[in-house]
Each structure stands twice: as C-alpha cells, then as structure tokens.
PDB file of N, CA and C in Angstrom:
ATOM      1  N   UNK A   1       0.813  -1.197  -0.006  1.00  0.00           N
ATOM      2  CA  UNK A   1       0.002   0.002  -0.006  1.00  0.00           C
ATOM      3  C   UNK A   1       0.852   1.262  -0.005  1.00  0.00           C
ATOM      4  N   UNK A   2       2.049   1.171   0.604  1.00  0.00           N
ATOM      5  CA  UNK A   2       2.925   2.348   0.615  1.00  0.00           C
ATOM      6  C   UNK A   2       3.268   2.773  -0.795  1.00  0.00           C
ATOM      7  N   UNK A   3       3.692   1.819  -1.638  1.00  0.00           N
ATOM      8  CA  UNK A   3       4.102   2.165  -2.987  1.00  0.00           C
ATOM      9  C   UNK A   3       2.910   2.657  -3.799  1.00  0.00           C
ATOM     10  N   UNK A   4       1.735   2.119  -3.553  1.00  0.00           N
ATOM     11  CA  UNK A   4       0.537   2.599  -4.219  1.00  0.00           C
ATOM     12  C   UNK A   4       0.224   4.052  -3.838  1.00  0.00           C
ATOM     13  N   UNK A   5       0.360   4.349  -2.548  1.00  0.00           N
ATOM     14  CA  UNK A   5       0.135   5.716  -2.070  1.00  0.00           C
ATOM     15  C   UNK A   5       1.177   6.672  -2.667  1.00  0.00           C
ATOM     16  N   UNK A   6       2.432   6.267  -2.660  1.00  0.00           N
ATOM     17  CA  UNK A   6       3.482   7.142  -3.192  1.00  0.00           C
ATOM     18  C   UNK A   6       3.328   7.351  -4.697  1.00  0.00           C
ATOM     19  N   UNK A   7       2.924   6.322  -5.440  1.00  0.00           N
ATOM     20  CA  UNK A   7       2.687   6.498  -6.871  1.00  0.00           C
ATOM     21  C   UNK A   7       1.591   7.531  -7.110  1.00  0.00           C
ATOM     22  N   UNK A   8       0.542   7.449  -6.304  1.00  0.00           N
ATOM     23  CA  UNK A   8      -0.560   8.418  -6.432  1.00  0.00           C
ATOM     24  C   UNK A   8      -0.100   9.826  -6.057  1.00  0.00           C
ATOM     25  N   UNK A   9       0.738   9.942  -5.033  1.00  0.00           N
ATOM     26  CA  UNK A   9       1.250  11.236  -4.637  1.00  0.00           C
ATOM     27  C   UNK A   9       2.149  11.837  -5.711  1.00  0.00           C
ATOM     28  N   UNK A  10       3.054  11.028  -6.236  1.00  0.00           N
ATOM     29  CA  UNK A  10       3.996  11.513  -7.250  1.00  0.00           C
ATOM     30  C   UNK A  10       3.242  11.936  -8.504  1.00  0.00           C
ATOM     31  N   UNK A  11       2.169  11.212  -8.844  1.00  0.00           N
ATOM     32  CA  UNK A  11       1.388  11.586 -10.045  1.00  0.00           C
ATOM     33  C   UNK A  11       0.391  12.708  -9.735  1.00  0.00           C
ATOM     34  N   UNK A  12       0.347  13.127  -8.465  1.00  0.00           N
ATOM     35  CA  UNK A  12      -0.543  14.216  -8.006  1.00  0.00           C
ATOM     36  C   UNK A  12      -2.010  13.932  -8.312  1.00  0.00           C
ATOM     37  N   UNK A  13      -2.402  12.699  -8.016  1.00  0.00           N
ATOM     38  CA  UNK A  13      -3.765  12.257  -8.253  1.00  0.00           C
ATOM     39  C   UNK A  13      -4.458  12.096  -6.900  1.00  0.00           C
ATOM     40  N   UNK A  14      -5.192  13.131  -6.489  1.00  0.00           N
ATOM     41  CA  UNK A  14      -5.809  13.130  -5.169  1.00  0.00           C
ATOM     42  C   UNK A  14      -6.831  12.021  -5.011  1.00  0.00           C
ATOM     43  N   UNK A  15      -7.608  11.740  -6.040  1.00  0.00           N
ATOM     44  CA  UNK A  15      -8.614  10.696  -5.960  1.00  0.00           C
ATOM     45  C   UNK A  15      -7.967   9.340  -5.696  1.00  0.00           C
ATOM     46  N   UNK A  16      -6.899   9.062  -6.379  1.00  0.00           N
ATOM     47  CA  UNK A  16      -6.182   7.802  -6.172  1.00  0.00           C
ATOM     48  C   UNK A  16      -5.571   7.743  -4.781  1.00  0.00           C
ATOM     49  N   UNK A  17      -5.080   8.884  -4.291  1.00  0.00           N
ATOM     50  CA  UNK A  17      -4.553   8.948  -2.933  1.00  0.00           C
ATOM     51  C   UNK A  17      -5.632   8.609  -1.908  1.00  0.00           C
ATOM     52  N   UNK A  18      -6.801   9.184  -2.095  1.00  0.00           N
ATOM     53  CA  UNK A  18      -7.916   8.945  -1.181  1.00  0.00           C
ATOM     54  C   UNK A  18      -8.400   7.492  -1.252  1.00  0.00           C
ATOM     55  N   UNK A  19      -8.377   6.905  -2.440  1.00  0.00           N
ATOM     56  CA  UNK A  19      -8.763   5.498  -2.579  1.00  0.00           C
ATOM     57  C   UNK A  19      -7.784   4.593  -1.831  1.00  0.00           C
ATOM     58  N   UNK A  20      -6.500   4.919  -1.903  1.00  0.00           N
ATOM     59  CA  UNK A  20      -5.504   4.167  -1.150  1.00  0.00           C
ATOM     60  C   UNK A  20      -5.708   4.383   0.343  1.00  0.00           C
ATOM     61  N   UNK A  21      -6.076   5.606   0.719  1.00  0.00           N
ATOM     62  CA  UNK A  21      -6.388   5.905   2.097  1.00  0.00           C
ATOM     63  C   UNK A  21      -7.554   5.057   2.614  1.00  0.00           C
ATOM     64  N   UNK A  22      -8.530   4.829   1.770  1.00  0.00           N
ATOM     65  CA  UNK A  22      -9.668   3.962   2.135  1.00  0.00           C
ATOM     66  C   UNK A  22      -9.179   2.546   2.436  1.00  0.00           C
ATOM     67  N   UNK A  23      -8.270   2.059   1.622  1.00  0.00           N
ATOM     68  CA  UNK A  23      -7.711   0.713   1.840  1.00  0.00           C
ATOM     69  C   UNK A  23      -6.943   0.668   3.160  1.00  0.00           C
ATOM     70  N   UNK A  24      -6.207   1.747   3.452  1.00  0.00           N
ATOM     71  CA  UNK A  24      -5.465   1.803   4.714  1.00  0.00           C
ATOM     72  C   UNK A  24      -6.415   1.838   5.896  1.00  0.00           C
ATOM     73  N   UNK A  25      -7.462   2.617   5.782  1.00  0.00           N
ATOM     74  CA  UNK A  25      -8.431   2.718   6.898  1.00  0.00           C
ATOM     75  C   UNK A  25      -9.138   1.380   7.131  1.00  0.00           C
ATOM     76  N   UNK A  26      -9.198   0.544   6.103  1.00  0.00           N
ATOM     77  CA  UNK A  26      -9.878  -0.739   6.229  1.00  0.00           C
ATOM     78  C   UNK A  26      -8.945  -1.860   6.758  1.00  0.00           C
ATOM     79  N   UNK A  27      -7.707  -1.502   7.113  1.00  0.00           N
ATOM     80  CA  UNK A  27      -6.819  -2.519   7.677  1.00  0.00           C
ATOM     81  C   UNK A  27      -7.477  -3.118   8.925  1.00  0.00           C
ATOM     82  N   UNK A  28      -7.174  -4.375   9.201  1.00  0.00           N
ATOM     83  CA  UNK A  28      -7.930  -5.071  10.271  1.00  0.00           C
ATOM     84  C   UNK A  28      -7.780  -4.532  11.665  1.00  0.00           C
ATOM     85  N   UNK A  29      -6.697  -3.847  11.974  1.00  0.00           N
ATOM     86  CA  UNK A  29      -6.532  -3.368  13.350  1.00  0.00           C
ATOM     87  C   UNK A  29      -5.738  -2.067  13.364  1.00  0.00           C
ATOM     88  N   UNK A  30      -5.785  -1.411  14.494  1.00  0.00           N
ATOM     89  CA  UNK A  30      -4.992  -0.191  14.678  1.00  0.00           C
ATOM     90  C   UNK A  30      -3.508  -0.506  14.635  1.00  0.00           C
ATOM     91  N   UNK A  31      -3.135  -1.671  15.137  1.00  0.00           N
ATOM     92  CA  UNK A  31      -1.710  -2.069  15.101  1.00  0.00           C
ATOM     93  C   UNK A  31      -1.227  -2.227  13.660  1.00  0.00           C
ATOM     94  N   UNK A  32      -2.103  -2.684  12.782  1.00  0.00           N
ATOM     95  CA  UNK A  32      -1.728  -2.796  11.373  1.00  0.00           C
ATOM     96  C   UNK A  32      -1.483  -1.415  10.772  1.00  0.00           C
ATOM     97  N   UNK A  33      -2.323  -0.469  11.167  1.00  0.00           N
ATOM     98  CA  UNK A  33      -2.166   0.916  10.670  1.00  0.00           C
ATOM     99  C   UNK A  33      -0.872   1.527  11.210  1.00  0.00           C
ATOM    100  N   UNK A  34      -0.572   1.269  12.473  1.00  0.00           N
ATOM    101  CA  UNK A  34       0.686   1.793  13.043  1.00  0.00           C
ATOM    102  C   UNK A  34       1.884   1.115  12.393  1.00  0.00           C
ATOM    103  N   UNK A  35       1.769  -0.167  12.070  1.00  0.00           N
ATOM    104  CA  UNK A  35       2.851  -0.860  11.379  1.00  0.00           C
ATOM    105  C   UNK A  35       3.062  -0.260   9.985  1.00  0.00           C
ATOM    106  N   UNK A  36       1.966   0.083   9.310  1.00  0.00           N
ATOM    107  CA  UNK A  36       2.099   0.760   8.011  1.00  0.00           C
ATOM    108  C   UNK A  36       2.841   2.070   8.173  1.00  0.00           C
ATOM    109  N   UNK A  37       2.500   2.847   9.187  1.00  0.00           N
ATOM    110  CA  UNK A  37       3.162   4.137   9.409  1.00  0.00           C
ATOM    111  C   UNK A  37       4.658   3.955   9.665  1.00  0.00           C
ATOM    112  N   UNK A  38       5.011   2.929  10.423  1.00  0.00           N
ATOM    113  CA  UNK A  38       6.451   2.661  10.674  1.00  0.00           C
ATOM    114  C   UNK A  38       7.151   2.246   9.388  1.00  0.00           C
ATOM    115  N   UNK A  39       6.498   1.401   8.587  1.00  0.00           N
ATOM    116  CA  UNK A  39       7.067   0.970   7.310  1.00  0.00           C
ATOM    117  C   UNK A  39       7.232   2.166   6.363  1.00  0.00           C
ATOM    118  N   UNK A  40       6.210   3.014   6.306  1.00  0.00           N
ATOM    119  CA  UNK A  40       6.266   4.182   5.448  1.00  0.00           C
ATOM    120  C   UNK A  40       7.379   5.133   5.902  1.00  0.00           C
ATOM    121  N   UNK A  41       7.510   5.320   7.195  1.00  0.00           N
ATOM    122  CA  UNK A  41       8.563   6.191   7.719  1.00  0.00           C
ATOM    123  C   UNK A  41       9.945   5.674   7.357  1.00  0.00           C
ATOM    124  N   UNK A  42      10.128   4.372   7.438  1.00  0.00           N
ATOM    125  CA  UNK A  42      11.421   3.779   7.077  1.00  0.00           C
ATOM    126  C   UNK A  42      11.730   4.036   5.615  1.00  0.00           C
ATOM    127  N   UNK A  43      10.743   3.871   4.746  1.00  0.00           N
ATOM    128  CA  UNK A  43      10.962   4.127   3.319  1.00  0.00           C
ATOM    129  C   UNK A  43      11.164   5.599   3.031  1.00  0.00           C
ATOM    130  N   UNK A  44      10.501   6.476   3.745  1.00  0.00           N
ATOM    131  CA  UNK A  44      10.710   7.915   3.554  1.00  0.00           C
ATOM    132  C   UNK A  44      12.130   8.285   3.986  1.00  0.00           C
ATOM    133  N   UNK A  45      12.646   7.629   5.030  1.00  0.00           N
ATOM    134  CA  UNK A  45      14.035   7.884   5.434  1.00  0.00           C
ATOM    135  C   UNK A  45      14.995   7.461   4.336  1.00  0.00           C
ATOM    136  N   UNK A  46      14.676   6.370   3.641  1.00  0.00           N
ATOM    137  CA  UNK A  46      15.505   5.931   2.521  1.00  0.00           C
ATOM    138  C   UNK A  46      15.464   6.977   1.391  1.00  0.00           C
ATOM    139  N   UNK A  47      14.282   7.523   1.154  1.00  0.00           N
ATOM    140  CA  UNK A  47      14.161   8.590   0.143  1.00  0.00           C
ATOM    141  C   UNK A  47      15.013   9.786   0.542  1.00  0.00           C
ATOM    142  N   UNK A  48      14.999  10.139   1.814  1.00  0.00           N
ATOM    143  CA  UNK A  48      15.816  11.248   2.290  1.00  0.00           C
ATOM    144  C   UNK A  48      17.300  10.987   2.053  1.00  0.00           C
ATOM    145  N   UNK A  49      17.758   9.776   2.389  1.00  0.00           N
ATOM    146  CA  UNK A  49      19.168   9.443   2.194  1.00  0.00           C
ATOM    147  C   UNK A  49      19.563   9.507   0.723  1.00  0.00           C
ATOM    148  N   UNK A  50      18.712   9.022  -0.144  1.00  0.00           N
ATOM    149  CA  UNK A  50      19.005   9.084  -1.573  1.00  0.00           C
ATOM    150  C   UNK A  50      19.064  10.535  -2.043  1.00  0.00           C
ATOM    151  N   UNK A  51      18.157  11.364  -1.556  1.00  0.00           N
ATOM    152  CA  UNK A  51      18.173  12.791  -1.937  1.00  0.00           C
ATOM    153  C   UNK A  51      19.438  13.478  -1.467  1.00  0.00           C
ATOM    154  N   UNK A  52      20.022  12.996  -0.373  1.00  0.00           N
ATOM    155  CA  UNK A  52      21.254  13.588   0.165  1.00  0.00           C
ATOM    156  C   UNK A  52      22.493  13.054  -0.542  1.00  0.00           C
ATOM    157  N   UNK A  53      22.316  12.166  -1.503  1.00  0.00           N
ATOM    158  CA  UNK A  53      23.456  11.606  -2.245  1.00  0.00           C
ATOM    159  C   UNK A  53      24.059  10.369  -1.629  1.00  0.00           C
ATOM    160  N   UNK A  54      23.351   9.769  -0.694  1.00  0.00           N
ATOM    161  CA  UNK A  54      23.848   8.568  -0.021  1.00  0.00           C
ATOM    162  C   UNK A  54      23.085   7.339  -0.530  1.00  0.00           C
ATOM    163  N   UNK A  55      23.198   7.087  -1.841  1.00  0.00           N
ATOM    164  CA  UNK A  55      22.435   6.024  -2.488  1.00  0.00           C
ATOM    165  C   UNK A  55      22.698   4.657  -1.852  1.00  0.00           C
ATOM    166  N   UNK A  56      23.955   4.384  -1.525  1.00  0.00           N
ATOM    167  CA  UNK A  56      24.275   3.057  -0.962  1.00  0.00           C
ATOM    168  C   UNK A  56      23.575   2.846   0.367  1.00  0.00           C
ATOM    169  N   UNK A  57      23.561   3.889   1.211  1.00  0.00           N
ATOM    170  CA  UNK A  57      22.861   3.767   2.487  1.00  0.00           C
ATOM    171  C   UNK A  57      21.348   3.751   2.293  1.00  0.00           C
ATOM    172  N   UNK A  58      20.869   4.567   1.371  1.00  0.00           N
ATOM    173  CA  UNK A  58      19.445   4.711   1.159  1.00  0.00           C
ATOM    174  C   UNK A  58      18.780   3.496   0.569  1.00  0.00           C
ATOM    175  N   UNK A  59      19.498   2.717  -0.200  1.00  0.00           N
ATOM    176  CA  UNK A  59      18.882   1.560  -0.846  1.00  0.00           C
ATOM    177  C   UNK A  59      19.338   0.233  -0.228  1.00  0.00           C
ATOM    178  N   UNK A  60      20.146   0.287   0.819  1.00  0.00           N
ATOM    179  CA  UNK A  60      20.681  -0.934   1.395  1.00  0.00           C
ATOM    180  C   UNK A  60      19.588  -1.831   1.974  1.00  0.00           C
ATOM    181  N   UNK A  61      18.632  -1.259   2.677  1.00  0.00           N
ATOM    182  CA  UNK A  61      17.597  -2.069   3.336  1.00  0.00           C
ATOM    183  C   UNK A  61      16.271  -2.079   2.612  1.00  0.00           C
ATOM    184  N   UNK A  62      16.218  -1.460   1.453  1.00  0.00           N
ATOM    185  CA  UNK A  62      14.973  -1.482   0.685  1.00  0.00           C
ATOM    186  C   UNK A  62      14.908  -2.799  -0.081  1.00  0.00           C
ATOM    187  N   UNK A  63      13.767  -3.469  -0.076  1.00  0.00           N
ATOM    188  CA  UNK A  63      13.646  -4.708  -0.834  1.00  0.00           C
ATOM    189  C   UNK A  63      13.978  -4.484  -2.317  1.00  0.00           C
ATOM    190  N   UNK A  64      14.506  -5.511  -2.929  1.00  0.00           N
ATOM    191  CA  UNK A  64      14.968  -5.427  -4.309  1.00  0.00           C
ATOM    192  C   UNK A  64      13.894  -4.889  -5.244  1.00  0.00           C
ATOM    193  N   UNK A  65      12.647  -5.312  -5.072  1.00  0.00           N
ATOM    194  CA  UNK A  65      11.593  -4.900  -5.973  1.00  0.00           C
ATOM    195  C   UNK A  65      11.146  -3.456  -5.740  1.00  0.00           C
ATOM    196  N   UNK A  66      11.538  -2.825  -4.652  1.00  0.00           N
ATOM    197  CA  UNK A  66      11.143  -1.441  -4.382  1.00  0.00           C
ATOM    198  C   UNK A  66      12.237  -0.426  -4.585  1.00  0.00           C
ATOM    199  N   UNK A  67      13.452  -0.875  -4.891  1.00  0.00           N
ATOM    200  CA  UNK A  67      14.585   0.078  -5.005  1.00  0.00           C
ATOM    201  C   UNK A  67      14.397   1.098  -6.133  1.00  0.00           C
ATOM    202  N   UNK A  68      13.934   0.632  -7.261  1.00  0.00           N
ATOM    203  CA  UNK A  68      13.731   1.571  -8.370  1.00  0.00           C
ATOM    204  C   UNK A  68      12.658   2.592  -8.043  1.00  0.00           C
ATOM    205  N   UNK A  69      11.595   2.131  -7.376  1.00  0.00           N
ATOM    206  CA  UNK A  69      10.505   3.024  -7.003  1.00  0.00           C
ATOM    207  C   UNK A  69      10.995   4.081  -6.016  1.00  0.00           C
ATOM    208  N   UNK A  70      11.742   3.656  -5.003  1.00  0.00           N
ATOM    209  CA  UNK A  70      12.246   4.606  -4.000  1.00  0.00           C
ATOM    210  C   UNK A  70      13.173   5.636  -4.654  1.00  0.00           C
ATOM    211  N   UNK A  71      14.016   5.181  -5.559  1.00  0.00           N
ATOM    212  CA  UNK A  71      14.911   6.112  -6.270  1.00  0.00           C
ATOM    213  C   UNK A  71      14.102   7.095  -7.131  1.00  0.00           C
ATOM    214  N   UNK A  72      13.045   6.598  -7.751  1.00  0.00           N
ATOM    215  CA  UNK A  72      12.174   7.464  -8.575  1.00  0.00           C
ATOM    216  C   UNK A  72      11.467   8.503  -7.700  1.00  0.00           C
ATOM    217  N   UNK A  73      10.986   8.083  -6.528  1.00  0.00           N
ATOM    218  CA  UNK A  73      10.346   9.021  -5.611  1.00  0.00           C
ATOM    219  C   UNK A  73      11.335  10.094  -5.156  1.00  0.00           C
ATOM    220  N   UNK A  74      12.552   9.686  -4.900  1.00  0.00           N
ATOM    221  CA  UNK A  74      13.584  10.639  -4.451  1.00  0.00           C
ATOM    222  C   UNK A  74      13.834  11.698  -5.513  1.00  0.00           C
ATOM    223  N   UNK A  75      13.805  11.304  -6.767  1.00  0.00           N
ATOM    224  CA  UNK A  75      14.019  12.263  -7.865  1.00  0.00           C
ATOM    225  C   UNK A  75      12.794  13.156  -8.075  1.00  0.00           C
ATOM    226  N   UNK A  76      11.602  12.635  -7.795  1.00  0.00           N
ATOM    227  CA  UNK A  76      10.371  13.353  -8.123  1.00  0.00           C
ATOM    228  C   UNK A  76       9.892  14.318  -7.041  1.00  0.00           C
ATOM    229  N   UNK A  77      10.253  14.064  -5.803  1.00  0.00           N
ATOM    230  CA  UNK A  77       9.690  14.833  -4.688  1.00  0.00           C
ATOM    231  C   UNK A  77      10.603  16.002  -4.314  1.00  0.00           C
ATOM    232  N   UNK A  78       9.994  16.999  -3.707  1.00  0.00           N
ATOM    233  CA  UNK A  78      10.737  18.171  -3.241  1.00  0.00           C
ATOM    234  C   UNK A  78      11.714  17.758  -2.131  1.00  0.00           C
ATOM    235  N   UNK A  79      12.736  18.557  -1.962  1.00  0.00           N
ATOM    236  CA  UNK A  79      13.761  18.235  -0.954  1.00  0.00           C
ATOM    237  C   UNK A  79      13.220  18.259   0.463  1.00  0.00           C
ATOM    238  N   UNK A  80      12.173  19.041   0.700  1.00  0.00           N
ATOM    239  CA  UNK A  80      11.622  19.138   2.053  1.00  0.00           C
ATOM    240  C   UNK A  80      10.578  18.058   2.337  1.00  0.00           C
ATOM    241  N   UNK A  81      10.172  17.311   1.321  1.00  0.00           N
ATOM    242  CA  UNK A  81       9.105  16.321   1.503  1.00  0.00           C
ATOM    243  C   UNK A  81       9.418  15.268   2.564  1.00  0.00           C
ATOM    244  N   UNK A  82      10.590  14.640   2.564  1.00  0.00           N
ATOM    245  CA  UNK A  82      10.825  13.580   3.547  1.00  0.00           C
ATOM    246  C   UNK A  82      10.703  14.047   5.004  1.00  0.00           C
ATOM    247  N   UNK A  83      11.282  15.198   5.331  1.00  0.00           N
ATOM    248  CA  UNK A  83      11.199  15.680   6.704  1.00  0.00           C
ATOM    249  C   UNK A  83       9.761  15.963   7.118  1.00  0.00           C
ATOM    250  N   UNK A  84       9.043  16.616   6.264  1.00  0.00           N
ATOM    251  CA  UNK A  84       7.655  16.942   6.582  1.00  0.00           C
ATOM    252  C   UNK A  84       6.751  15.708   6.577  1.00  0.00           C
ATOM    253  N   UNK A  85       7.024  14.787   5.697  1.00  0.00           N
ATOM    254  CA  UNK A  85       6.212  13.569   5.630  1.00  0.00           C
ATOM    255  C   UNK A  85       6.403  12.716   6.887  1.00  0.00           C
ATOM    256  N   UNK A  86       7.624  12.712   7.430  1.00  0.00           N
ATOM    257  CA  UNK A  86       7.843  11.973   8.686  1.00  0.00           C
ATOM    258  C   UNK A  86       7.022  12.585   9.812  1.00  0.00           C
ATOM    259  N   UNK A  87       6.904  13.897   9.830  1.00  0.00           N
ATOM    260  CA  UNK A  87       6.082  14.544  10.850  1.00  0.00           C
ATOM    261  C   UNK A  87       4.619  14.177  10.679  1.00  0.00           C
ATOM    262  N   UNK A  88       4.163  14.077   9.437  1.00  0.00           N
ATOM    263  CA  UNK A  88       2.778  13.679   9.169  1.00  0.00           C
ATOM    264  C   UNK A  88       2.536  12.248   9.650  1.00  0.00           C
ATOM    265  N   UNK A  89       3.468  11.358   9.375  1.00  0.00           N
ATOM    266  CA  UNK A  89       3.310   9.964   9.809  1.00  0.00           C
ATOM    267  C   UNK A  89       3.343   9.852  11.340  1.00  0.00           C
ATOM    268  N   UNK A  90       4.191  10.632  11.984  1.00  0.00           N
ATOM    269  CA  UNK A  90       4.207  10.638  13.452  1.00  0.00           C
ATOM    270  C   UNK A  90       2.872  11.103  14.017  1.00  0.00           C
ATOM    271  N   UNK A  91       2.306  12.119  13.370  1.00  0.00           N
ATOM    272  CA  UNK A  91       1.017  12.637  13.830  1.00  0.00           C
ATOM    273  C   UNK A  91      -0.073  11.575  13.635  1.00  0.00           C
ATOM    274  N   UNK A  92      -0.004  10.862  12.527  1.00  0.00           N
ATOM    275  CA  UNK A  92      -1.002   9.807  12.294  1.00  0.00           C
ATOM    276  C   UNK A  92      -0.892   8.720  13.340  1.00  0.00           C
ATOM    277  N   UNK A  93       0.319   8.321  13.695  1.00  0.00           N
ATOM    278  CA  UNK A  93       0.480   7.315  14.739  1.00  0.00           C
ATOM    279  C   UNK A  93      -0.049   7.827  16.070  1.00  0.00           C
ATOM    280  N   UNK A  94       0.182   9.093  16.349  1.00  0.00           N
ATOM    281  CA  UNK A  94      -0.328   9.691  17.577  1.00  0.00           C
ATOM    282  C   UNK A  94      -1.870   9.678  17.598  1.00  0.00           C
ATOM    283  N   UNK A  95      -2.484  10.008  16.477  1.00  0.00           N
ATOM    284  CA  UNK A  95      -3.934   9.975  16.390  1.00  0.00           C
ATOM    285  C   UNK A  95      -4.482   8.571  16.596  1.00  0.00           C
ATOM    286  N   UNK A  96      -3.811   7.603  16.009  1.00  0.00           N
ATOM    287  CA  UNK A  96      -4.244   6.206  16.167  1.00  0.00           C
ATOM    288  C   UNK A  96      -4.107   5.780  17.630  1.00  0.00           C
ATOM    289  N   UNK A  97      -3.003   6.182  18.258  1.00  0.00           N
ATOM    290  CA  UNK A  97      -2.791   5.874  19.676  1.00  0.00           C
ATOM    291  C   UNK A  97      -3.870   6.500  20.557  1.00  0.00           C
ATOM    292  N   UNK A  98      -4.347   7.676  20.155  1.00  0.00           N
ATOM    293  CA  UNK A  98      -5.360   8.379  20.940  1.00  0.00           C
ATOM    294  C   UNK A  98      -6.786   7.916  20.609  1.00  0.00           C
ATOM    295  N   UNK A  99      -6.871   6.838  19.845  1.00  0.00           N
ATOM    296  CA  UNK A  99      -8.137   6.188  19.558  1.00  0.00           C
ATOM    297  C   UNK A  99      -9.051   7.026  18.627  1.00  0.00           C
ATOM    298  N   UNK A 100      -8.419   7.793  17.735  1.00  0.00           N
ATOM    299  CA  UNK A 100      -9.175   8.533  16.720  1.00  0.00           C
ATOM    300  C   UNK A 100      -9.621   7.523  15.670  1.00  0.00           C
ATOM    301  N   UNK A 101     -10.773   7.744  15.102  1.00  0.00           N
ATOM    302  CA  UNK A 101     -11.312   6.885  14.048  1.00  0.00           C
ATOM    303  C   UNK A 101     -10.234   6.730  12.949  1.00  0.00           C
ATOM    304  N   UNK A 102      -9.892   5.486  12.587  1.00  0.00           N
ATOM    305  CA  UNK A 102      -8.840   5.274  11.570  1.00  0.00           C
ATOM    306  C   UNK A 102      -9.119   5.991  10.237  1.00  0.00           C
ATOM    307  N   UNK A 103     -10.377   6.016   9.840  1.00  0.00           N
ATOM    308  CA  UNK A 103     -10.693   6.682   8.579  1.00  0.00           C
ATOM    309  C   UNK A 103     -10.354   8.182   8.649  1.00  0.00           C
ATOM    310  N   UNK A 104     -10.659   8.805   9.773  1.00  0.00           N
ATOM    311  CA  UNK A 104     -10.320  10.235   9.935  1.00  0.00           C
ATOM    312  C   UNK A 104      -8.809  10.421   9.971  1.00  0.00           C
ATOM    313  N   UNK A 105      -8.123   9.577  10.708  1.00  0.00           N
ATOM    314  CA  UNK A 105      -6.668   9.709  10.830  1.00  0.00           C
ATOM    315  C   UNK A 105      -5.995   9.520   9.463  1.00  0.00           C
ATOM    316  N   UNK A 106      -6.429   8.532   8.706  1.00  0.00           N
ATOM    317  CA  UNK A 106      -5.795   8.256   7.405  1.00  0.00           C
ATOM    318  C   UNK A 106      -6.142   9.340   6.395  1.00  0.00           C
ATOM    319  N   UNK A 107      -7.377   9.799   6.408  1.00  0.00           N
ATOM    320  CA  UNK A 107      -7.760  10.866   5.474  1.00  0.00           C
ATOM    321  C   UNK A 107      -6.962  12.150   5.775  1.00  0.00           C
ATOM    322  N   UNK A 108      -6.761  12.439   7.035  1.00  0.00           N
ATOM    323  CA  UNK A 108      -5.936  13.583   7.421  1.00  0.00           C
ATOM    324  C   UNK A 108      -4.507  13.379   6.934  1.00  0.00           C
ATOM    325  N   UNK A 109      -3.972  12.167   7.091  1.00  0.00           N
ATOM    326  CA  UNK A 109      -2.609  11.869   6.650  1.00  0.00           C
ATOM    327  C   UNK A 109      -2.480  12.055   5.145  1.00  0.00           C
ATOM    328  N   UNK A 110      -3.408  11.484   4.380  1.00  0.00           N
ATOM    329  CA  UNK A 110      -3.354  11.601   2.920  1.00  0.00           C
ATOM    330  C   UNK A 110      -3.467  13.052   2.496  1.00  0.00           C
ATOM    331  N   UNK A 111      -4.369  13.790   3.104  1.00  0.00           N
ATOM    332  CA  UNK A 111      -4.525  15.208   2.763  1.00  0.00           C
ATOM    333  C   UNK A 111      -3.251  15.974   3.090  1.00  0.00           C
ATOM    334  N   UNK A 112      -2.650  15.735   4.238  1.00  0.00           N
ATOM    335  CA  UNK A 112      -1.424  16.438   4.627  1.00  0.00           C
ATOM    336  C   UNK A 112      -0.269  16.089   3.694  1.00  0.00           C
ATOM    337  N   UNK A 113      -0.144  14.814   3.331  1.00  0.00           N
ATOM    338  CA  UNK A 113       0.919  14.410   2.404  1.00  0.00           C
ATOM    339  C   UNK A 113       0.728  15.061   1.035  1.00  0.00           C
ATOM    340  N   UNK A 114      -0.523  15.117   0.600  1.00  0.00           N
ATOM    341  CA  UNK A 114      -0.819  15.735  -0.711  1.00  0.00           C
ATOM    342  C   UNK A 114      -0.467  17.207  -0.707  1.00  0.00           C
ATOM    343  N   UNK A 115      -0.733  17.865   0.402  1.00  0.00           N
ATOM    344  CA  UNK A 115      -0.418  19.318   0.498  1.00  0.00           C
ATOM    345  C   UNK A 115       1.086  19.574   0.471  1.00  0.00           C
ATOM    346  N   UNK A 116       1.867  18.593   0.863  1.00  0.00           N
ATOM    347  CA  UNK A 116       3.327  18.780   0.887  1.00  0.00           C
ATOM    348  C   UNK A 116       3.936  18.831  -0.520  1.00  0.00           C
ATOM    349  N   UNK A 117       3.169  18.352  -1.499  1.00  0.00           N
ATOM    350  CA  UNK A 117       3.683  18.358  -2.853  1.00  0.00           C
ATOM    351  C   UNK A 117       3.730  19.767  -3.382  1.00  0.00           C
TER     352      UNK A 117
END
C-alpha cells in the first residue's frame, strides 16, 4: 500500500490517494495501521538518504523490488518532503494511539501528504 500511495502522490492524483487511504483505513486493526506508518517512515528515510546523495545507504535495506521506485520518488519529490512527511506519519500514529477513528486519521494523513507536494 505504501508504494501505491506514493505512486498516487507523485502523479498528483488526489482521488487515487484517497482510494488508497480507504484501503489503509480498512486494515484489520490499529496495530496494522501503526505498522504501516512505521514501514512508510522507514521508506521515507531511505528517500531522504538518496536525496542527500547517499544512495548506498538509502537503498541498502529497501527490498529489491522497491529500489527503483524509492529512487524514482527521491528524484520526483521536493527536498523538504521527507522531513515533513515523517512529521505527518508521526502525527497519524499519535492519532491512532489516541483512539481517533482510523478513517479520519488516514484521510488527514493523505490530505497532509498531498499538501506537501
């Protein structure tokens, strides 16, 4: 779902982003949603490293099938996107921890990520 969301963000397709958000909100548990946020944060950190010119570090722990996608995202996104996106993901995890409705938390996350573009 992370790569689906990022593809939608990079293509600047808000409807596709929201559809992916619906899939995220439908995950079976809050722990699944928090695990997604942790996974997304790890991949965003890889994007940050690649943007800083540290390709070897940035792609070392990315699965083989996602390396090209992560490198493409790094080229396509603004330099400030990774830092701000990590803050958005942290906020989403905080909302989930505070027992906010997952659909509201995810929709807020998708909207915030889209605004960062």
